[in-house]
Amino acid sequence: MNTEYRHTSNNRIQPYGPIARPGISLLDNSLFIALAKTLWAIEIRPLLGQAGNECALATSEEAYEGCITVPKPFQLRSVPRGQEFD
């Protein structure tokens, strides 16, 4: 079994050499556009507390764990940017 992996021009690892996938660029671009439109239409905000105030996110050094900087899990809410998006 061939365990050598080859990188293709579109940053995908394929175990048995290049495989013709003519629609992969269209898929990549479509997913990027869908994600960009979603992020454009919403604001990502912290959760609301009991009094209706936004909870503070932990930004100290204790908010990260391990030798690779990865934030600890946190909760958030998404709010439409304008009335036309409700």
PDB file of N, CA and C in Angstrom:
ATOM      1  N   MET A   1       0.848  -1.185   0.000  1.00  0.00           N
ATOM      2  CA  MET A   1       0.000   0.000   0.000  1.00  0.00           C
ATOM      3  C   MET A   1       0.888   1.241   0.000  1.00  0.00           C
ATOM      4  N   ASN A   2       0.587   2.170  -0.846  1.00  0.00           N
ATOM      5  CA  ASN A   2       1.353   3.403  -0.958  1.00  0.00           C
ATOM      6  C   ASN A   2       0.941   4.353   0.158  1.00  0.00           C
ATOM      7  N   THR A   3       1.886   4.702   1.037  1.00  0.00           N
ATOM      8  CA  THR A   3       1.562   5.601   2.145  1.00  0.00           C
ATOM      9  C   THR A   3       2.024   7.024   1.881  1.00  0.00           C
ATOM     10  N   GLU A   4       2.588   7.262   0.699  1.00  0.00           N
ATOM     11  CA  GLU A   4       3.043   8.610   0.365  1.00  0.00           C
ATOM     12  C   GLU A   4       1.844   9.447  -0.091  1.00  0.00           C
ATOM     13  N   TYR A   5       1.693  10.616   0.524  1.00  0.00           N
ATOM     14  CA  TYR A   5       0.603  11.509   0.172  1.00  0.00           C
ATOM     15  C   TYR A   5       1.151  12.665  -0.638  1.00  0.00           C
ATOM     16  N   ARG A   6       0.426  13.055  -1.649  1.00  0.00           N
ATOM     17  CA  ARG A   6       0.861  14.149  -2.506  1.00  0.00           C
ATOM     18  C   ARG A   6      -0.061  15.345  -2.316  1.00  0.00           C
ATOM     19  N   HIS A   7       0.529  16.530  -2.255  1.00  0.00           N
ATOM     20  CA  HIS A   7      -0.260  17.757  -2.189  1.00  0.00           C
ATOM     21  C   HIS A   7      -0.625  18.163  -3.605  1.00  0.00           C
ATOM     22  N   THR A   8      -1.874  18.541  -3.789  1.00  0.00           N
ATOM     23  CA  THR A   8      -2.311  19.023  -5.092  1.00  0.00           C
ATOM     24  C   THR A   8      -2.313  20.540  -5.089  1.00  0.00           C
ATOM     25  N   SER A   9      -2.589  21.118  -6.215  1.00  0.00           N
ATOM     26  CA  SER A   9      -2.546  22.577  -6.330  1.00  0.00           C
ATOM     27  C   SER A   9      -3.641  23.250  -5.520  1.00  0.00           C
ATOM     28  N   ASN A  10      -4.704  22.545  -5.141  1.00  0.00           N
ATOM     29  CA  ASN A  10      -5.788  23.152  -4.369  1.00  0.00           C
ATOM     30  C   ASN A  10      -5.713  22.785  -2.886  1.00  0.00           C
ATOM     31  N   ASN A  11      -4.510  22.462  -2.391  1.00  0.00           N
ATOM     32  CA  ASN A  11      -4.235  22.201  -0.973  1.00  0.00           C
ATOM     33  C   ASN A  11      -5.012  21.023  -0.410  1.00  0.00           C
ATOM     34  N   ARG A  12      -5.269  20.040  -1.214  1.00  0.00           N
ATOM     35  CA  ARG A  12      -5.908  18.823  -0.724  1.00  0.00           C
ATOM     36  C   ARG A  12      -4.903  17.679  -0.812  1.00  0.00           C
ATOM     37  N   ILE A  13      -4.882  16.866   0.221  1.00  0.00           N
ATOM     38  CA  ILE A  13      -3.978  15.724   0.234  1.00  0.00           C
ATOM     39  C   ILE A  13      -4.724  14.545  -0.369  1.00  0.00           C
ATOM     40  N   GLN A  14      -4.100  13.923  -1.369  1.00  0.00           N
ATOM     41  CA  GLN A  14      -4.725  12.790  -2.024  1.00  0.00           C
ATOM     42  C   GLN A  14      -3.757  11.618  -1.986  1.00  0.00           C
ATOM     43  N   PRO A  15      -4.215  10.463  -1.533  1.00  0.00           N
ATOM     44  CA  PRO A  15      -3.290   9.349  -1.318  1.00  0.00           C
ATOM     45  C   PRO A  15      -2.760   8.705  -2.585  1.00  0.00           C
ATOM     46  N   TYR A  16      -3.452   8.752  -3.690  1.00  0.00           N
ATOM     47  CA  TYR A  16      -3.032   8.016  -4.878  1.00  0.00           C
ATOM     48  C   TYR A  16      -2.844   8.924  -6.079  1.00  0.00           C
ATOM     49  N   GLY A  17      -2.341  10.120  -5.861  1.00  0.00           N
ATOM     50  CA  GLY A  17      -2.079  11.028  -6.958  1.00  0.00           C
ATOM     51  C   GLY A  17      -3.283  11.880  -7.299  1.00  0.00           C
ATOM     52  N   PRO A  18      -3.126  12.744  -8.278  1.00  0.00           N
ATOM     53  CA  PRO A  18      -4.206  13.670  -8.623  1.00  0.00           C
ATOM     54  C   PRO A  18      -5.405  12.947  -9.239  1.00  0.00           C
ATOM     55  N   ILE A  19      -6.576  13.374  -8.849  1.00  0.00           N
ATOM     56  CA  ILE A  19      -7.823  12.844  -9.377  1.00  0.00           C
ATOM     57  C   ILE A  19      -8.561  14.029  -9.986  1.00  0.00           C
ATOM     58  N   ALA A  20      -9.101  13.861 -11.167  1.00  0.00           N
ATOM     59  CA  ALA A  20      -9.788  14.959 -11.847  1.00  0.00           C
ATOM     60  C   ALA A  20     -11.094  15.271 -11.117  1.00  0.00           C
ATOM     61  N   ARG A  21     -11.190  16.476 -10.579  1.00  0.00           N
ATOM     62  CA  ARG A  21     -12.411  16.957  -9.917  1.00  0.00           C
ATOM     63  C   ARG A  21     -12.682  18.360 -10.449  1.00  0.00           C
ATOM     64  N   PRO A  22     -13.370  18.463 -11.569  1.00  0.00           N
ATOM     65  CA  PRO A  22     -13.524  19.760 -12.212  1.00  0.00           C
ATOM     66  C   PRO A  22     -14.353  20.764 -11.416  1.00  0.00           C
ATOM     67  N   GLY A  23     -15.214  20.320 -10.525  1.00  0.00           N
ATOM     68  CA  GLY A  23     -16.079  21.243  -9.798  1.00  0.00           C
ATOM     69  C   GLY A  23     -15.555  21.676  -8.445  1.00  0.00           C
ATOM     70  N   ILE A  24     -14.350  21.256  -8.062  1.00  0.00           N
ATOM     71  CA  ILE A  24     -13.858  21.543  -6.720  1.00  0.00           C
ATOM     72  C   ILE A  24     -13.617  23.035  -6.511  1.00  0.00           C
ATOM     73  N   SER A  25     -13.153  23.756  -7.526  1.00  0.00           N
ATOM     74  CA  SER A  25     -12.946  25.199  -7.376  1.00  0.00           C
ATOM     75  C   SER A  25     -14.275  25.921  -7.220  1.00  0.00           C
ATOM     76  N   LEU A  26     -15.281  25.495  -7.968  1.00  0.00           N
ATOM     77  CA  LEU A  26     -16.613  26.077  -7.848  1.00  0.00           C
ATOM     78  C   LEU A  26     -17.172  25.839  -6.449  1.00  0.00           C
ATOM     79  N   LEU A  27     -16.965  24.648  -5.913  1.00  0.00           N
ATOM     80  CA  LEU A  27     -17.415  24.327  -4.560  1.00  0.00           C
ATOM     81  C   LEU A  27     -16.719  25.214  -3.536  1.00  0.00           C
ATOM     82  N   ASP A  28     -15.398  25.338  -3.642  1.00  0.00           N
ATOM     83  CA  ASP A  28     -14.649  26.181  -2.709  1.00  0.00           C
ATOM     84  C   ASP A  28     -15.149  27.618  -2.731  1.00  0.00           C
ATOM     85  N   ASN A  29     -15.317  28.163  -3.936  1.00  0.00           N
ATOM     86  CA  ASN A  29     -15.767  29.546  -4.062  1.00  0.00           C
ATOM     87  C   ASN A  29     -17.189  29.728  -3.550  1.00  0.00           C
ATOM     88  N   SER A  30     -18.063  28.775  -3.811  1.00  0.00           N
ATOM     89  CA  SER A  30     -19.445  28.871  -3.348  1.00  0.00           C
ATOM     90  C   SER A  30     -19.529  28.823  -1.825  1.00  0.00           C
ATOM     91  N   LEU A  31     -18.754  27.950  -1.210  1.00  0.00           N
ATOM     92  CA  LEU A  31     -18.744  27.871   0.250  1.00  0.00           C
ATOM     93  C   LEU A  31     -18.192  29.155   0.862  1.00  0.00           C
ATOM     94  N   PHE A  32     -17.145  29.712   0.268  1.00  0.00           N
ATOM     95  CA  PHE A  32     -16.581  30.962   0.773  1.00  0.00           C
ATOM     96  C   PHE A  32     -17.603  32.089   0.685  1.00  0.00           C
ATOM     97  N   ILE A  33     -18.290  32.205  -0.431  1.00  0.00           N
ATOM     98  CA  ILE A  33     -19.282  33.268  -0.602  1.00  0.00           C
ATOM     99  C   ILE A  33     -20.428  33.101   0.386  1.00  0.00           C
ATOM    100  N   ALA A  34     -20.911  31.875   0.590  1.00  0.00           N
ATOM    101  CA  ALA A  34     -21.999  31.637   1.545  1.00  0.00           C
ATOM    102  C   ALA A  34     -21.572  32.009   2.962  1.00  0.00           C
ATOM    103  N   LEU A  35     -20.373  31.636   3.366  1.00  0.00           N
ATOM    104  CA  LEU A  35     -19.884  31.966   4.703  1.00  0.00           C
ATOM    105  C   LEU A  35     -19.671  33.471   4.854  1.00  0.00           C
ATOM    106  N   ALA A  36     -19.122  34.115   3.834  1.00  0.00           N
ATOM    107  CA  ALA A  36     -18.896  35.560   3.890  1.00  0.00           C
ATOM    108  C   ALA A  36     -20.219  36.315   4.008  1.00  0.00           C
ATOM    109  N   LYS A  37     -21.237  35.902   3.277  1.00  0.00           N
ATOM    110  CA  LYS A  37     -22.540  36.565   3.354  1.00  0.00           C
ATOM    111  C   LYS A  37     -23.171  36.377   4.731  1.00  0.00           C
ATOM    112  N   THR A  38     -23.016  35.193   5.304  1.00  0.00           N
ATOM    113  CA  THR A  38     -23.563  34.940   6.633  1.00  0.00           C
ATOM    114  C   THR A  38     -22.875  35.816   7.669  1.00  0.00           C
ATOM    115  N   LEU A  39     -21.555  35.893   7.627  1.00  0.00           N
ATOM    116  CA  LEU A  39     -20.827  36.720   8.587  1.00  0.00           C
ATOM    117  C   LEU A  39     -21.100  38.206   8.365  1.00  0.00           C
ATOM    118  N   TRP A  40     -21.387  38.611   7.139  1.00  0.00           N
ATOM    119  CA  TRP A  40     -21.709  40.001   6.840  1.00  0.00           C
ATOM    120  C   TRP A  40     -23.050  40.387   7.453  1.00  0.00           C
ATOM    121  N   ALA A  41     -23.995  39.463   7.509  1.00  0.00           N
ATOM    122  CA  ALA A  41     -25.358  39.773   7.938  1.00  0.00           C
ATOM    123  C   ALA A  41     -25.566  39.704   9.446  1.00  0.00           C
ATOM    124  N   ILE A  42     -24.597  39.181  10.198  1.00  0.00           N
ATOM    125  CA  ILE A  42     -24.788  39.040  11.649  1.00  0.00           C
ATOM    126  C   ILE A  42     -23.655  39.702  12.418  1.00  0.00           C
ATOM    127  N   GLU A  43     -23.965  40.023  13.667  1.00  0.00           N
ATOM    128  CA  GLU A  43     -22.945  40.429  14.629  1.00  0.00           C
ATOM    129  C   GLU A  43     -22.783  39.281  15.608  1.00  0.00           C
ATOM    130  N   ILE A  44     -21.564  38.943  15.924  1.00  0.00           N
ATOM    131  CA  ILE A  44     -21.289  37.889  16.901  1.00  0.00           C
ATOM    132  C   ILE A  44     -21.039  38.581  18.230  1.00  0.00           C
ATOM    133  N   ARG A  45     -21.908  38.330  19.202  1.00  0.00           N
ATOM    134  CA  ARG A  45     -21.888  39.033  20.481  1.00  0.00           C
ATOM    135  C   ARG A  45     -21.840  38.014  21.624  1.00  0.00           C
ATOM    136  N   PRO A  46     -21.394  38.447  22.831  1.00  0.00           N
ATOM    137  CA  PRO A  46     -21.434  37.574  24.004  1.00  0.00           C
ATOM    138  C   PRO A  46     -22.878  37.317  24.439  1.00  0.00           C
ATOM    139  N   LEU A  47     -23.074  36.275  25.208  1.00  0.00           N
ATOM    140  CA  LEU A  47     -24.401  35.970  25.740  1.00  0.00           C
ATOM    141  C   LEU A  47     -24.867  37.057  26.699  1.00  0.00           C
ATOM    142  N   LEU A  48     -26.173  37.150  26.876  1.00  0.00           N
ATOM    143  CA  LEU A  48     -26.734  38.092  27.844  1.00  0.00           C
ATOM    144  C   LEU A  48     -26.843  37.414  29.207  1.00  0.00           C
ATOM    145  N   GLY A  49     -26.535  38.169  30.254  1.00  0.00           N
ATOM    146  CA  GLY A  49     -26.645  37.656  31.611  1.00  0.00           C
ATOM    147  C   GLY A  49     -28.065  37.789  32.143  1.00  0.00           C
ATOM    148  N   GLN A  50     -28.243  37.529  33.443  1.00  0.00           N
ATOM    149  CA  GLN A  50     -29.558  37.589  34.084  1.00  0.00           C
ATOM    150  C   GLN A  50     -30.165  38.985  34.012  1.00  0.00           C
ATOM    151  N   ALA A  51     -29.346  40.034  34.135  1.00  0.00           N
ATOM    152  CA  ALA A  51     -29.846  41.407  34.138  1.00  0.00           C
ATOM    153  C   ALA A  51     -29.986  41.973  32.730  1.00  0.00           C
ATOM    154  N   GLY A  52     -29.692  41.193  31.719  1.00  0.00           N
ATOM    155  CA  GLY A  52     -29.791  41.658  30.349  1.00  0.00           C
ATOM    156  C   GLY A  52     -28.526  42.307  29.826  1.00  0.00           C
ATOM    157  N   ASN A  53     -27.460  42.280  30.619  1.00  0.00           N
ATOM    158  CA  ASN A  53     -26.176  42.834  30.197  1.00  0.00           C
ATOM    159  C   ASN A  53     -25.356  41.752  29.497  1.00  0.00           C
ATOM    160  N   GLU A  54     -24.464  42.170  28.611  1.00  0.00           N
ATOM    161  CA  GLU A  54     -23.584  41.208  27.978  1.00  0.00           C
ATOM    162  C   GLU A  54     -22.564  40.682  28.978  1.00  0.00           C
ATOM    163  N   CYS A  55     -22.368  39.375  28.985  1.00  0.00           N
ATOM    164  CA  CYS A  55     -21.370  38.768  29.862  1.00  0.00           C
ATOM    165  C   CYS A  55     -19.977  39.047  29.296  1.00  0.00           C
ATOM    166  N   ALA A  56     -19.033  39.293  30.182  1.00  0.00           N
ATOM    167  CA  ALA A  56     -17.658  39.554  29.742  1.00  0.00           C
ATOM    168  C   ALA A  56     -16.996  38.243  29.332  1.00  0.00           C
ATOM    169  N   LEU A  57     -16.277  38.280  28.230  1.00  0.00           N
ATOM    170  CA  LEU A  57     -15.522  37.114  27.799  1.00  0.00           C
ATOM    171  C   LEU A  57     -14.175  37.109  28.505  1.00  0.00           C
ATOM    172  N   ALA A  58     -13.701  35.940  28.849  1.00  0.00           N
ATOM    173  CA  ALA A  58     -12.400  35.822  29.509  1.00  0.00           C
ATOM    174  C   ALA A  58     -11.302  36.056  28.475  1.00  0.00           C
ATOM    175  N   THR A  59     -10.505  37.097  28.698  1.00  0.00           N
ATOM    176  CA  THR A  59      -9.410  37.402  27.771  1.00  0.00           C
ATOM    177  C   THR A  59      -8.046  37.314  28.449  1.00  0.00           C
ATOM    178  N   SER A  60      -8.020  36.812  29.667  1.00  0.00           N
ATOM    179  CA  SER A  60      -6.744  36.684  30.373  1.00  0.00           C
ATOM    180  C   SER A  60      -5.992  35.467  29.860  1.00  0.00           C
ATOM    181  N   GLU A  61      -4.800  35.272  30.366  1.00  0.00           N
ATOM    182  CA  GLU A  61      -3.992  34.119  29.972  1.00  0.00           C
ATOM    183  C   GLU A  61      -4.655  32.804  30.370  1.00  0.00           C
ATOM    184  N   GLU A  62      -5.523  32.825  31.382  1.00  0.00           N
ATOM    185  CA  GLU A  62      -6.192  31.612  31.814  1.00  0.00           C
ATOM    186  C   GLU A  62      -7.284  31.184  30.831  1.00  0.00           C
ATOM    187  N   ALA A  63      -7.626  32.055  29.871  1.00  0.00           N
ATOM    188  CA  ALA A  63      -8.663  31.723  28.900  1.00  0.00           C
ATOM    189  C   ALA A  63      -8.151  30.752  27.836  1.00  0.00           C
ATOM    190  N   TYR A  64      -6.848  30.525  27.819  1.00  0.00           N
ATOM    191  CA  TYR A  64      -6.255  29.650  26.815  1.00  0.00           C
ATOM    192  C   TYR A  64      -5.650  28.450  27.508  1.00  0.00           C
ATOM    193  N   GLU A  65      -5.630  27.335  26.818  1.00  0.00           N
ATOM    194  CA  GLU A  65      -5.090  26.129  27.453  1.00  0.00           C
ATOM    195  C   GLU A  65      -4.066  25.469  26.543  1.00  0.00           C
ATOM    196  N   GLY A  66      -3.114  24.798  27.146  1.00  0.00           N
ATOM    197  CA  GLY A  66      -2.128  24.033  26.407  1.00  0.00           C
ATOM    198  C   GLY A  66      -0.987  24.861  25.859  1.00  0.00           C
ATOM    199  N   CYS A  67      -0.037  24.168  25.242  1.00  0.00           N
ATOM    200  CA  CYS A  67       1.111  24.862  24.667  1.00  0.00           C
ATOM    201  C   CYS A  67       0.771  25.466  23.306  1.00  0.00           C
ATOM    202  N   ILE A  68      -0.258  24.957  22.659  1.00  0.00           N
ATOM    203  CA  ILE A  68      -0.766  25.571  21.433  1.00  0.00           C
ATOM    204  C   ILE A  68      -1.930  26.451  21.845  1.00  0.00           C
ATOM    205  N   THR A  69      -1.928  27.700  21.431  1.00  0.00           N
ATOM    206  CA  THR A  69      -2.940  28.654  21.873  1.00  0.00           C
ATOM    207  C   THR A  69      -4.289  28.344  21.249  1.00  0.00           C
ATOM    208  N   VAL A  70      -5.169  27.770  22.052  1.00  0.00           N
ATOM    209  CA  VAL A  70      -6.529  27.452  21.634  1.00  0.00           C
ATOM    210  C   VAL A  70      -7.456  27.970  22.728  1.00  0.00           C
ATOM    211  N   PRO A  71      -8.446  28.787  22.389  1.00  0.00           N
ATOM    212  CA  PRO A  71      -9.327  29.295  23.443  1.00  0.00           C
ATOM    213  C   PRO A  71     -10.180  28.190  24.039  1.00  0.00           C
ATOM    214  N   LYS A  72     -10.501  28.348  25.308  1.00  0.00           N
ATOM    215  CA  LYS A  72     -11.430  27.423  25.945  1.00  0.00           C
ATOM    216  C   LYS A  72     -12.821  27.666  25.363  1.00  0.00           C
ATOM    217  N   PRO A  73     -13.691  26.665  25.410  1.00  0.00           N
ATOM    218  CA  PRO A  73     -15.035  26.829  24.851  1.00  0.00           C
ATOM    219  C   PRO A  73     -15.775  27.996  25.510  1.00  0.00           C
ATOM    220  N   PHE A  74     -16.540  28.719  24.712  1.00  0.00           N
ATOM    221  CA  PHE A  74     -17.339  29.827  25.214  1.00  0.00           C
ATOM    222  C   PHE A  74     -18.634  29.882  24.416  1.00  0.00           C
ATOM    223  N   GLN A  75     -19.625  30.573  24.970  1.00  0.00           N
ATOM    224  CA  GLN A  75     -20.907  30.692  24.302  1.00  0.00           C
ATOM    225  C   GLN A  75     -21.066  32.098  23.748  1.00  0.00           C
ATOM    226  N   LEU A  76     -21.795  32.199  22.663  1.00  0.00           N
ATOM    227  CA  LEU A  76     -22.045  33.487  22.048  1.00  0.00           C
ATOM    228  C   LEU A  76     -23.433  33.490  21.437  1.00  0.00           C
ATOM    229  N   ARG A  77     -23.837  34.648  20.941  1.00  0.00           N
ATOM    230  CA  ARG A  77     -25.121  34.758  20.251  1.00  0.00           C
ATOM    231  C   ARG A  77     -24.890  35.527  18.964  1.00  0.00           C
ATOM    232  N   SER A  78     -25.734  35.275  17.983  1.00  0.00           N
ATOM    233  CA  SER A  78     -25.641  36.015  16.730  1.00  0.00           C
ATOM    234  C   SER A  78     -26.866  36.911  16.613  1.00  0.00           C
ATOM    235  N   VAL A  79     -26.619  38.171  16.271  1.00  0.00           N
ATOM    236  CA  VAL A  79     -27.661  39.180  16.186  1.00  0.00           C
ATOM    237  C   VAL A  79     -27.652  39.742  14.772  1.00  0.00           C
ATOM    238  N   PRO A  80     -28.813  39.830  14.108  1.00  0.00           N
ATOM    239  CA  PRO A  80     -28.834  40.439  12.775  1.00  0.00           C
ATOM    240  C   PRO A  80     -28.322  41.869  12.822  1.00  0.00           C
ATOM    241  N   ARG A  81     -27.597  42.290  11.803  1.00  0.00           N
ATOM    242  CA  ARG A  81     -27.013  43.633  11.759  1.00  0.00           C
ATOM    243  C   ARG A  81     -28.054  44.736  11.552  1.00  0.00           C
ATOM    244  N   GLY A  82     -29.158  44.443  10.945  1.00  0.00           N
ATOM    245  CA  GLY A  82     -30.147  45.489  10.691  1.00  0.00           C
ATOM    246  C   GLY A  82     -31.557  44.929  10.692  1.00  0.00           C
ATOM    247  N   GLN A  83     -32.526  45.821  10.657  1.00  0.00           N
ATOM    248  CA  GLN A  83     -33.931  45.414  10.683  1.00  0.00           C
ATOM    249  C   GLN A  83     -34.297  44.594   9.435  1.00  0.00           C
ATOM    250  N   GLU A  84     -33.683  44.878   8.316  1.00  0.00           N
ATOM    251  CA  GLU A  84     -34.038  44.164   7.080  1.00  0.00           C
ATOM    252  C   GLU A  84     -33.656  42.699   7.100  1.00  0.00           C
ATOM    253  N   PHE A  85     -32.805  42.276   8.069  1.00  0.00           N
ATOM    254  CA  PHE A  85     -32.378  40.889   8.157  1.00  0.00           C
ATOM    255  C   PHE A  85     -33.200  40.067   9.142  1.00  0.00           C
ATOM    256  N   ASP A  86     -34.118  40.680   9.876  1.00  0.00           N
ATOM    257  CA  ASP A  86     -34.925  39.946  10.864  1.00  0.00           C
ATOM    258  C   ASP A  86     -35.876  38.969  10.200  1.00  0.00           C
TER     259      ASP A  86
END
